């Protein structure tokens, strides 16, 4: 597998982990279930740490695809720029989740404010990582780029007579 393959495989872990972790954490808060909250905090901690691998495989993945036909250099640069924000948000969520778990262990029960703060971090992470992933999709998928929406393919009448 090339670096691009690894990057594509790994990038789903932080996005889906933060998304499902946030949903599970919100459910645990709503229902007042400490075990559900602890499990979701663990998921958020792992998902946040996985973003390190995604970030580190980004540059080698760029080297693999940057010269290929249909690959947008501008899309690569935009994706690369926003990847930093996703990394910071993912790591902040991971640290917040670990902190909530450790603080809860010391207190022998989770503190609601730490769980709520981690949920807020997770929601921000989902937004930033999701946006970064969307930008990454535009690198080699011209149908996702705004600049192709108005392009007309010569000889294609789209079924019109």
C-alpha atoms as a PDB file:
ATOM      1  CA  UNK A   1       0.000   0.000   0.000  1.00  0.00           C
ATOM      2  CA  UNK A   2       1.213   3.469  -0.835  1.00  0.00           C
ATOM      3  CA  UNK A   3       1.212   6.470   1.494  1.00  0.00           C
ATOM      4  CA  UNK A   4      -1.899   7.722  -0.293  1.00  0.00           C
ATOM      5  CA  UNK A   5      -3.697   4.452   0.505  1.00  0.00           C
ATOM      6  CA  UNK A   6      -2.725   4.656   4.152  1.00  0.00           C
ATOM      7  CA  UNK A   7      -3.841   8.277   4.349  1.00  0.00           C
ATOM      8  CA  UNK A   8      -7.227   7.433   2.834  1.00  0.00           C
ATOM      9  CA  UNK A   9      -7.745   4.422   5.094  1.00  0.00           C
ATOM     10  CA  UNK A  10      -6.681   6.169   8.295  1.00  0.00           C
ATOM     11  CA  UNK A  11      -8.564   9.432   7.741  1.00  0.00           C
ATOM     12  CA  UNK A  12     -11.879   7.770   8.518  1.00  0.00           C
ATOM     13  CA  UNK A  13     -10.886   6.926  12.097  1.00  0.00           C
ATOM     14  CA  UNK A  14     -10.740  10.472  13.533  1.00  0.00           C
ATOM     15  CA  UNK A  15     -13.795  11.664  11.638  1.00  0.00           C
ATOM     16  CA  UNK A  16     -16.087   8.736  12.397  1.00  0.00           C
ATOM     17  CA  UNK A  17     -14.602   8.203  15.859  1.00  0.00           C
ATOM     18  CA  UNK A  18     -15.286  11.805  16.843  1.00  0.00           C
ATOM     19  CA  UNK A  19     -18.734  11.749  15.249  1.00  0.00           C
ATOM     20  CA  UNK A  20     -19.862   8.531  16.938  1.00  0.00           C
ATOM     21  CA  UNK A  21     -18.056   9.466  20.149  1.00  0.00           C
ATOM     22  CA  UNK A  22     -19.869  12.812  20.293  1.00  0.00           C
ATOM     23  CA  UNK A  23     -23.254  11.186  19.635  1.00  0.00           C
ATOM     24  CA  UNK A  24     -22.596   8.532  22.263  1.00  0.00           C
ATOM     25  CA  UNK A  25     -21.350  11.121  24.748  1.00  0.00           C
ATOM     26  CA  UNK A  26     -24.427  13.296  24.217  1.00  0.00           C
ATOM     27  CA  UNK A  27     -26.632  10.241  24.738  1.00  0.00           C
ATOM     28  CA  UNK A  28     -24.738   9.330  27.910  1.00  0.00           C
ATOM     29  CA  UNK A  29     -25.132  12.862  29.257  1.00  0.00           C
ATOM     30  CA  UNK A  30     -28.821  12.947  28.375  1.00  0.00           C
ATOM     31  CA  UNK A  31     -29.494   9.607  30.057  1.00  0.00           C
ATOM     32  CA  UNK A  32     -27.078  10.208  32.935  1.00  0.00           C
ATOM     33  CA  UNK A  33     -25.236   6.956  32.232  1.00  0.00           C
ATOM     34  CA  UNK A  34     -21.661   7.151  33.483  1.00  0.00           C
ATOM     35  CA  UNK A  35     -20.586   3.916  31.768  1.00  0.00           C
ATOM     36  CA  UNK A  36     -21.730   5.217  28.385  1.00  0.00           C
ATOM     37  CA  UNK A  37     -19.922   8.483  29.041  1.00  0.00           C
ATOM     38  CA  UNK A  38     -16.717   6.649  29.961  1.00  0.00           C
ATOM     39  CA  UNK A  39     -16.886   4.470  26.856  1.00  0.00           C
ATOM     40  CA  UNK A  40     -17.445   7.461  24.611  1.00  0.00           C
ATOM     41  CA  UNK A  41     -14.611   9.384  26.268  1.00  0.00           C
ATOM     42  CA  UNK A  42     -12.351   6.409  25.559  1.00  0.00           C
ATOM     43  CA  UNK A  43     -13.474   6.388  21.929  1.00  0.00           C
ATOM     44  CA  UNK A  44     -12.825  10.131  21.628  1.00  0.00           C
ATOM     45  CA  UNK A  45      -9.358   9.718  23.148  1.00  0.00           C
ATOM     46  CA  UNK A  46      -8.393   7.033  20.624  1.00  0.00           C
ATOM     47  CA  UNK A  47      -9.970   8.848  17.670  1.00  0.00           C
ATOM     48  CA  UNK A  48      -8.119  12.015  18.598  1.00  0.00           C
ATOM     49  CA  UNK A  49      -4.802  10.220  18.782  1.00  0.00           C
ATOM     50  CA  UNK A  50      -5.424   8.528  15.422  1.00  0.00           C
ATOM     51  CA  UNK A  51      -5.372  11.928  13.760  1.00  0.00           C
ATOM     52  CA  UNK A  52      -1.613  12.023  14.325  1.00  0.00           C
ATOM     53  CA  UNK A  53      -1.186   9.104  11.915  1.00  0.00           C
ATOM     54  CA  UNK A  54      -3.519  10.764   9.410  1.00  0.00           C
ATOM     55  CA  UNK A  55      -1.570  14.013   9.575  1.00  0.00           C
ATOM     56  CA  UNK A  56       1.810  12.291   9.276  1.00  0.00           C
ATOM     57  CA  UNK A  57       0.724  10.337   6.182  1.00  0.00           C
ATOM     58  CA  UNK A  58      -0.552  13.489   4.475  1.00  0.00           C
ATOM     59  CA  UNK A  59       2.749  14.759   3.115  1.00  0.00           C
ATOM     60  CA  UNK A  60       3.863  11.380   1.740  1.00  0.00           C
ATOM     61  CA  UNK A  61       0.392  10.984   0.187  1.00  0.00           C
ATOM     62  CA  UNK A  62       0.824  14.348  -1.510  1.00  0.00           C
ATOM     63  CA  UNK A  63       4.090  13.154  -3.033  1.00  0.00           C
ATOM     64  CA  UNK A  64       2.274  10.149  -4.530  1.00  0.00           C
ATOM     65  CA  UNK A  65      -0.638  12.024  -6.117  1.00  0.00           C
ATOM     66  CA  UNK A  66       0.589  15.524  -6.929  1.00  0.00           C
ATOM     67  CA  UNK A  67       1.660  14.726 -10.486  1.00  0.00           C
ATOM     68  CA  UNK A  68      -1.325  12.576 -11.433  1.00  0.00           C
ATOM     69  CA  UNK A  69      -3.875  13.647 -14.052  1.00  0.00           C
ATOM     70  CA  UNK A  70      -7.027  15.157 -12.577  1.00  0.00           C
ATOM     71  CA  UNK A  71      -5.362  16.034  -9.284  1.00  0.00           C
ATOM     72  CA  UNK A  72      -5.769  19.652  -8.230  1.00  0.00           C
ATOM     73  CA  UNK A  73      -2.683  21.278  -6.730  1.00  0.00           C
ATOM     74  CA  UNK A  74      -4.842  24.082  -5.307  1.00  0.00           C
ATOM     75  CA  UNK A  75      -7.081  21.518  -3.622  1.00  0.00           C
ATOM     76  CA  UNK A  76      -4.023  19.827  -2.096  1.00  0.00           C
ATOM     77  CA  UNK A  77      -2.777  23.119  -0.664  1.00  0.00           C
ATOM     78  CA  UNK A  78      -6.187  24.055   0.762  1.00  0.00           C
ATOM     79  CA  UNK A  79      -6.602  20.592   2.287  1.00  0.00           C
ATOM     80  CA  UNK A  80      -3.089  20.759   3.738  1.00  0.00           C
ATOM     81  CA  UNK A  81      -3.773  24.186   5.277  1.00  0.00           C
ATOM     82  CA  UNK A  82      -6.977  23.095   7.014  1.00  0.00           C
ATOM     83  CA  UNK A  83      -5.467  19.768   8.102  1.00  0.00           C
ATOM     84  CA  UNK A  84      -3.547  21.662  10.784  1.00  0.00           C
ATOM     85  CA  UNK A  85      -6.810  22.884  12.348  1.00  0.00           C
ATOM     86  CA  UNK A  86      -8.243  19.375  12.259  1.00  0.00           C
ATOM     87  CA  UNK A  87      -5.098  18.048  13.928  1.00  0.00           C
ATOM     88  CA  UNK A  88      -5.260  20.612  16.725  1.00  0.00           C
ATOM     89  CA  UNK A  89      -8.984  20.037  17.281  1.00  0.00           C
ATOM     90  CA  UNK A  90      -8.582  16.253  17.290  1.00  0.00           C
ATOM     91  CA  UNK A  91      -5.702  16.388  19.751  1.00  0.00           C
ATOM     92  CA  UNK A  92      -7.568  18.856  21.985  1.00  0.00           C
ATOM     93  CA  UNK A  93     -10.538  16.500  22.041  1.00  0.00           C
ATOM     94  CA  UNK A  94      -8.304  13.548  22.857  1.00  0.00           C
ATOM     95  CA  UNK A  95      -6.597  15.423  25.676  1.00  0.00           C
ATOM     96  CA  UNK A  96      -9.965  16.653  26.953  1.00  0.00           C
ATOM     97  CA  UNK A  97     -11.370  13.118  26.943  1.00  0.00           C
ATOM     98  CA  UNK A  98      -8.316  11.712  28.743  1.00  0.00           C
ATOM     99  CA  UNK A  99      -8.449  14.590  31.214  1.00  0.00           C
ATOM    100  CA  UNK A 100     -12.139  13.985  31.926  1.00  0.00           C
ATOM    101  CA  UNK A 101     -11.446  10.295  32.511  1.00  0.00           C
ATOM    102  CA  UNK A 102      -8.462  10.956  34.795  1.00  0.00           C
ATOM    103  CA  UNK A 103     -10.239  13.688  36.741  1.00  0.00           C
ATOM    104  CA  UNK A 104     -13.208  11.365  37.094  1.00  0.00           C
ATOM    105  CA  UNK A 105     -10.949   8.572  38.350  1.00  0.00           C
ATOM    106  CA  UNK A 106      -9.476  10.856  41.008  1.00  0.00           C
ATOM    107  CA  UNK A 107     -12.942  12.023  42.095  1.00  0.00           C
ATOM    108  CA  UNK A 108     -14.326   8.475  41.733  1.00  0.00           C
ATOM    109  CA  UNK A 109     -17.049   9.772  39.429  1.00  0.00           C
ATOM    110  CA  UNK A 110     -17.124  11.834  36.250  1.00  0.00           C
ATOM    111  CA  UNK A 111     -17.522  15.563  36.614  1.00  0.00           C
ATOM    112  CA  UNK A 112     -20.375  16.726  34.406  1.00  0.00           C
ATOM    113  CA  UNK A 113     -18.554  19.898  33.343  1.00  0.00           C
ATOM    114  CA  UNK A 114     -15.556  17.942  32.031  1.00  0.00           C
ATOM    115  CA  UNK A 115     -17.831  15.690  30.007  1.00  0.00           C
ATOM    116  CA  UNK A 116     -19.739  18.689  28.629  1.00  0.00           C
ATOM    117  CA  UNK A 117     -16.492  20.478  27.716  1.00  0.00           C
ATOM    118  CA  UNK A 118     -15.249  17.354  25.945  1.00  0.00           C
ATOM    119  CA  UNK A 119     -18.530  17.105  24.028  1.00  0.00           C
ATOM    120  CA  UNK A 120     -18.074  20.686  22.852  1.00  0.00           C
ATOM    121  CA  UNK A 121     -14.508  19.898  21.747  1.00  0.00           C
ATOM    122  CA  UNK A 122     -15.734  16.783  19.936  1.00  0.00           C
ATOM    123  CA  UNK A 123     -18.363  18.763  18.035  1.00  0.00           C
ATOM    124  CA  UNK A 124     -15.768  21.309  16.959  1.00  0.00           C
ATOM    125  CA  UNK A 125     -13.494  18.439  15.914  1.00  0.00           C
ATOM    126  CA  UNK A 126     -16.220  16.815  13.843  1.00  0.00           C
ATOM    127  CA  UNK A 127     -16.808  20.104  12.027  1.00  0.00           C
ATOM    128  CA  UNK A 128     -13.127  20.835  11.361  1.00  0.00           C
ATOM    129  CA  UNK A 129     -12.113  17.273  10.509  1.00  0.00           C
ATOM    130  CA  UNK A 130     -15.209  16.835   8.351  1.00  0.00           C
ATOM    131  CA  UNK A 131     -14.489  20.033   6.455  1.00  0.00           C
ATOM    132  CA  UNK A 132     -10.857  18.999   6.005  1.00  0.00           C
ATOM    133  CA  UNK A 133     -11.965  15.582   4.718  1.00  0.00           C
ATOM    134  CA  UNK A 134     -14.331  17.272   2.276  1.00  0.00           C
ATOM    135  CA  UNK A 135     -11.461  19.394   0.997  1.00  0.00           C
ATOM    136  CA  UNK A 136      -9.357  16.249   0.659  1.00  0.00           C
ATOM    137  CA  UNK A 137     -12.037  14.636  -1.456  1.00  0.00           C
ATOM    138  CA  UNK A 138     -11.777  17.515  -3.919  1.00  0.00           C
ATOM    139  CA  UNK A 139      -8.133  16.691  -4.622  1.00  0.00           C
ATOM    140  CA  UNK A 140      -8.854  13.886  -7.050  1.00  0.00           C
ATOM    141  CA  UNK A 141     -12.611  14.083  -7.443  1.00  0.00           C
ATOM    142  CA  UNK A 142     -13.356  16.926  -9.862  1.00  0.00           C
ATOM    143  CA  UNK A 143     -17.089  16.325  -9.477  1.00  0.00           C
ATOM    144  CA  UNK A 144     -16.801  17.668  -5.927  1.00  0.00           C
ATOM    145  CA  UNK A 145     -15.062  20.881  -6.959  1.00  0.00           C
ATOM    146  CA  UNK A 146     -17.066  24.067  -7.402  1.00  0.00           C
ATOM    147  CA  UNK A 147     -15.221  24.950 -10.601  1.00  0.00           C
ATOM    148  CA  UNK A 148     -16.603  21.906 -12.449  1.00  0.00           C
ATOM    149  CA  UNK A 149     -20.254  22.599 -11.718  1.00  0.00           C
ATOM    150  CA  UNK A 150     -20.547  25.004 -14.629  1.00  0.00           C
ATOM    151  CA  UNK A 151     -18.402  23.126 -17.110  1.00  0.00           C
ATOM    152  CA  UNK A 152     -20.152  21.674 -20.147  1.00  0.00           C
ATOM    153  CA  UNK A 153     -18.827  18.573 -21.846  1.00  0.00           C
ATOM    154  CA  UNK A 154     -18.677  19.137 -25.633  1.00  0.00           C
ATOM    155  CA  UNK A 155     -21.127  16.947 -27.522  1.00  0.00           C
ATOM    156  CA  UNK A 156     -23.086  16.060 -24.364  1.00  0.00           C
ATOM    157  CA  UNK A 157     -26.653  17.217 -24.723  1.00  0.00           C
ATOM    158  CA  UNK A 158     -27.763  15.567 -21.446  1.00  0.00           C
ATOM    159  CA  UNK A 159     -30.530  13.708 -23.244  1.00  0.00           C
ATOM    160  CA  UNK A 160     -32.055  16.842 -24.750  1.00  0.00           C
ATOM    161  CA  UNK A 161     -33.416  16.794 -28.309  1.00  0.00           C
END
